[in-house]
Amino acid sequence: MLPLDAEHTLREIRTGDGVELARAYTANREHLAPWEPRRDAAFYTAEWQENHVRQCVVDAADGRGARFVIEASDGRILGRVNLNNIVRGAFRSADLGYWVDAGHGRRGLASRSVRAIVECAREDLTLHRIQAATLPHNVASQRVLSANGFARIGVAPKYLHIAGEWQDHVLFQLLLEDPFSARERP
């Protein structure tokens, strides 16, 4: 468990989170729709989410992923932060994805969560690089990445199928061997 502030922690996803994840995704369905793939009705059920949780736990045990939830002090899940597609060997890299509950945006929660996952990737997972991709008009997410030291590295045309269509994405990376100095830390 990684403390984010007095009221929020970032913790690994665990068996039993399905009900609360279904609630969180349902509550944020409209908020997330422009930024994610289209979801069918089953995605928003506790059963679907719990099956996904079990796969996340297996992926973590196998070293293929590290998936976390942003949890409020009352136990509500207010978002996700994921390191997906972890590759070892000469690459030692992963893809970053995250979202925060619509009612908790613009309070620094996403930035603190990304900062915590960066430290986890560096210290615990000993990764070399994290890549992230945003839609070109997702300025808020780009600010979160920039505030955490990610550098823009290009644009990938028709990169992901989001909101029902193939969309271009701006690519960012963070090389983990280059930690922020005390002066640069956001």
Protein backbone atom coordinates (compact mmCIF):
# COMPACT_ATOMS: atom_id res chain seq x y z
CA MET A 1 0.00 0.00 0.00
CA LEU A 2 1.35 3.40 -0.98
CA PRO A 3 -0.05 6.48 0.78
CA LEU A 4 -1.02 9.30 -1.60
CA ASP A 5 -2.30 11.76 1.00
CA ALA A 6 -4.24 11.65 4.29
CA GLU A 7 -7.36 10.21 2.61
CA HIS A 8 -6.10 8.09 -0.32
CA THR A 9 -3.84 5.13 -0.92
CA LEU A 10 -2.63 3.29 -3.98
CA ARG A 11 -2.76 -0.46 -3.47
CA GLU A 12 -2.46 -3.54 -5.62
CA ILE A 13 -5.71 -4.85 -7.01
CA ARG A 14 -6.86 -7.91 -5.08
CA THR A 15 -9.45 -10.64 -5.23
CA GLY A 16 -12.75 -9.30 -3.95
CA ASP A 17 -12.42 -5.88 -5.63
CA GLY A 18 -14.93 -6.76 -8.36
CA VAL A 19 -18.03 -5.32 -6.67
CA GLU A 20 -16.37 -1.99 -5.87
CA LEU A 21 -14.75 -1.78 -9.31
CA ALA A 22 -18.13 -2.36 -10.96
CA ARG A 23 -19.56 0.48 -8.85
CA ALA A 24 -16.64 2.79 -9.75
CA TYR A 25 -16.80 2.05 -13.48
CA THR A 26 -20.58 2.44 -13.54
CA ALA A 27 -20.37 5.77 -11.73
CA ASN A 28 -17.70 6.97 -14.20
CA ARG A 29 -19.15 5.47 -17.37
CA GLU A 30 -19.79 8.80 -19.13
CA HIS A 31 -16.60 10.36 -17.77
CA LEU A 32 -14.42 7.55 -19.16
CA ALA A 33 -16.26 6.95 -22.45
CA PRO A 34 -14.23 9.42 -24.57
CA TRP A 35 -10.91 7.99 -23.32
CA GLU A 36 -11.46 4.22 -23.37
CA PRO A 37 -12.57 1.45 -25.72
CA ARG A 38 -16.32 0.99 -26.00
CA ARG A 39 -17.57 -1.32 -23.28
CA ASP A 40 -20.50 -3.72 -23.41
CA ALA A 41 -22.98 -3.98 -20.54
CA ALA A 42 -21.21 -7.01 -19.04
CA PHE A 43 -18.08 -4.91 -18.32
CA TYR A 44 -20.00 -2.96 -15.67
CA THR A 45 -21.02 -6.06 -13.68
CA ALA A 46 -19.35 -7.30 -10.51
CA GLU A 47 -18.91 -10.73 -12.12
CA TRP A 48 -17.00 -9.35 -15.12
CA GLN A 49 -14.86 -7.12 -12.92
CA GLU A 50 -14.05 -9.94 -10.48
CA ASN A 51 -12.97 -12.19 -13.37
CA HIS A 52 -10.74 -9.35 -14.58
CA VAL A 53 -9.35 -8.92 -11.05
CA ARG A 54 -8.41 -12.61 -10.94
CA GLN A 55 -6.54 -12.22 -14.25
CA CYS A 56 -4.75 -9.14 -12.90
CA VAL A 57 -3.61 -11.12 -9.85
CA VAL A 58 -2.29 -13.92 -12.10
CA ASP A 59 -0.54 -11.37 -14.34
CA ALA A 60 1.11 -9.78 -11.29
CA ALA A 61 2.30 -13.16 -10.00
CA ASP A 62 3.73 -13.92 -13.46
CA GLY A 63 5.38 -10.49 -13.72
CA ARG A 64 3.32 -9.41 -16.75
CA GLY A 65 1.42 -6.57 -15.08
CA ALA A 66 1.12 -4.48 -11.93
CA ARG A 67 -2.40 -3.15 -11.47
CA PHE A 68 -3.42 -0.83 -8.67
CA VAL A 69 -6.54 0.90 -7.38
CA ILE A 70 -6.78 4.36 -5.88
CA GLU A 71 -8.67 3.78 -2.65
CA ALA A 72 -10.33 6.34 -0.39
CA SER A 73 -10.12 5.93 3.37
CA ASP A 74 -13.74 4.69 3.37
CA GLY A 75 -12.84 1.82 0.98
CA ARG A 76 -14.31 3.32 -2.20
CA ILE A 77 -12.25 2.82 -5.34
CA LEU A 78 -11.68 6.18 -7.03
CA GLY A 79 -9.53 5.10 -9.96
CA ARG A 80 -6.94 2.78 -11.39
CA VAL A 81 -3.25 2.93 -12.20
CA ASN A 82 -1.85 0.11 -14.30
CA LEU A 83 1.52 -1.00 -15.54
CA ASN A 84 0.56 -3.23 -18.47
CA ASN A 85 2.60 -5.36 -20.85
CA ILE A 86 5.63 -5.60 -18.59
CA VAL A 87 8.50 -6.98 -20.64
CA ARG A 88 11.76 -8.11 -19.01
CA GLY A 89 15.06 -9.01 -20.62
CA ALA A 90 16.82 -6.30 -22.59
CA PHE A 91 13.63 -4.16 -22.76
CA ARG A 92 12.55 -3.95 -19.05
CA SER A 93 9.62 -1.68 -19.89
CA ALA A 94 5.88 -1.31 -19.36
CA ASP A 95 2.87 0.69 -20.55
CA LEU A 96 1.18 3.05 -18.09
CA GLY A 97 -2.55 3.66 -17.93
CA TYR A 98 -4.64 5.48 -15.33
CA TRP A 99 -7.93 7.18 -14.55
CA VAL A 100 -9.44 9.06 -11.63
CA ASP A 101 -13.08 9.37 -10.57
CA ALA A 102 -14.81 12.37 -12.19
CA GLY A 103 -15.62 13.86 -8.79
CA HIS A 104 -11.98 13.75 -7.68
CA GLY A 105 -10.25 15.25 -10.71
CA ARG A 106 -8.10 18.38 -10.65
CA ARG A 107 -6.95 17.74 -7.07
CA GLY A 108 -3.55 16.22 -7.85
CA LEU A 109 -4.70 12.65 -7.20
CA ALA A 110 -3.67 11.44 -10.66
CA SER A 111 -0.26 13.11 -10.38
CA ARG A 112 0.40 11.64 -6.94
CA SER A 113 -0.74 8.20 -8.15
CA VAL A 114 1.53 8.30 -11.20
CA ARG A 115 4.43 9.48 -9.02
CA ALA A 116 3.85 6.50 -6.69
CA ILE A 117 3.68 4.00 -9.56
CA VAL A 118 6.87 5.45 -11.06
CA GLU A 119 8.69 4.81 -7.77
CA CYS A 120 7.25 1.28 -7.66
CA ALA A 121 8.40 0.65 -11.23
CA ARG A 122 11.87 1.97 -10.44
CA GLU A 123 12.45 0.49 -6.99
CA ASP A 124 10.33 -2.67 -6.79
CA LEU A 125 10.01 -3.79 -10.41
CA THR A 126 13.44 -2.47 -11.50
CA LEU A 127 12.11 -1.36 -14.87
CA HIS A 128 14.12 0.79 -17.25
CA ARG A 129 11.31 2.63 -19.03
CA ILE A 130 7.60 3.42 -18.84
CA GLN A 131 5.60 4.45 -21.89
CA ALA A 132 2.24 6.23 -21.84
CA ALA A 133 -0.10 7.34 -24.61
CA THR A 134 -2.80 10.01 -24.57
CA LEU A 135 -5.30 11.26 -27.07
CA PRO A 136 -4.01 14.54 -28.55
CA HIS A 137 -6.81 16.54 -26.89
CA ASN A 138 -6.33 14.98 -23.42
CA VAL A 139 -4.36 17.94 -22.10
CA ALA A 140 -5.03 17.09 -18.44
CA SER A 141 -3.41 13.67 -18.79
CA GLN A 142 -0.48 15.18 -20.67
CA ARG A 143 0.04 17.60 -17.75
CA VAL A 144 0.08 14.68 -15.30
CA LEU A 145 2.74 12.92 -17.36
CA SER A 146 4.87 16.04 -17.83
CA ALA A 147 4.68 16.86 -14.11
CA ASN A 148 6.11 13.40 -13.42
CA GLY A 149 9.05 13.75 -15.79
CA PHE A 150 7.65 11.99 -18.85
CA ALA A 151 8.92 13.34 -22.17
CA ARG A 152 6.87 13.50 -25.33
CA ILE A 153 8.48 11.23 -27.94
CA GLY A 154 6.07 11.40 -30.86
CA VAL A 155 2.66 10.69 -32.29
CA ALA A 156 1.37 7.24 -33.23
CA PRO A 157 -1.30 7.43 -35.96
CA LYS A 158 -4.43 5.33 -35.33
CA TYR A 159 -2.72 3.82 -32.27
CA LEU A 160 -5.68 2.56 -30.21
CA HIS A 161 -9.36 1.85 -30.83
CA ILE A 162 -10.94 4.37 -28.45
CA ALA A 163 -14.59 5.47 -28.26
CA GLY A 164 -15.41 3.36 -31.31
CA GLU A 165 -12.67 4.50 -33.69
CA TRP A 166 -8.95 4.19 -34.33
CA GLN A 167 -7.40 7.33 -32.89
CA ASP A 168 -3.98 8.96 -32.97
CA HIS A 169 -2.11 9.13 -29.67
CA VAL A 170 0.70 11.27 -28.33
CA LEU A 171 3.44 9.01 -26.91
CA PHE A 172 5.43 9.77 -23.77
CA GLN A 173 8.23 7.93 -22.01
CA LEU A 174 10.09 8.09 -18.73
CA LEU A 175 13.55 6.56 -18.38
CA LEU A 176 13.74 5.36 -14.80
CA GLU A 177 17.51 5.53 -14.39
CA ASP A 178 17.21 9.33 -14.47
CA PRO A 179 15.49 10.22 -11.18
CA PHE A 180 14.36 13.77 -10.47
CA SER A 181 16.81 15.80 -8.45
CA ALA A 182 15.40 17.40 -5.30
CA ARG A 183 15.16 20.68 -7.23
CA GLU A 184 13.18 19.16 -10.12
CA ARG A 185 10.75 17.02 -8.13
CA PRO A 186 7.15 18.09 -8.83
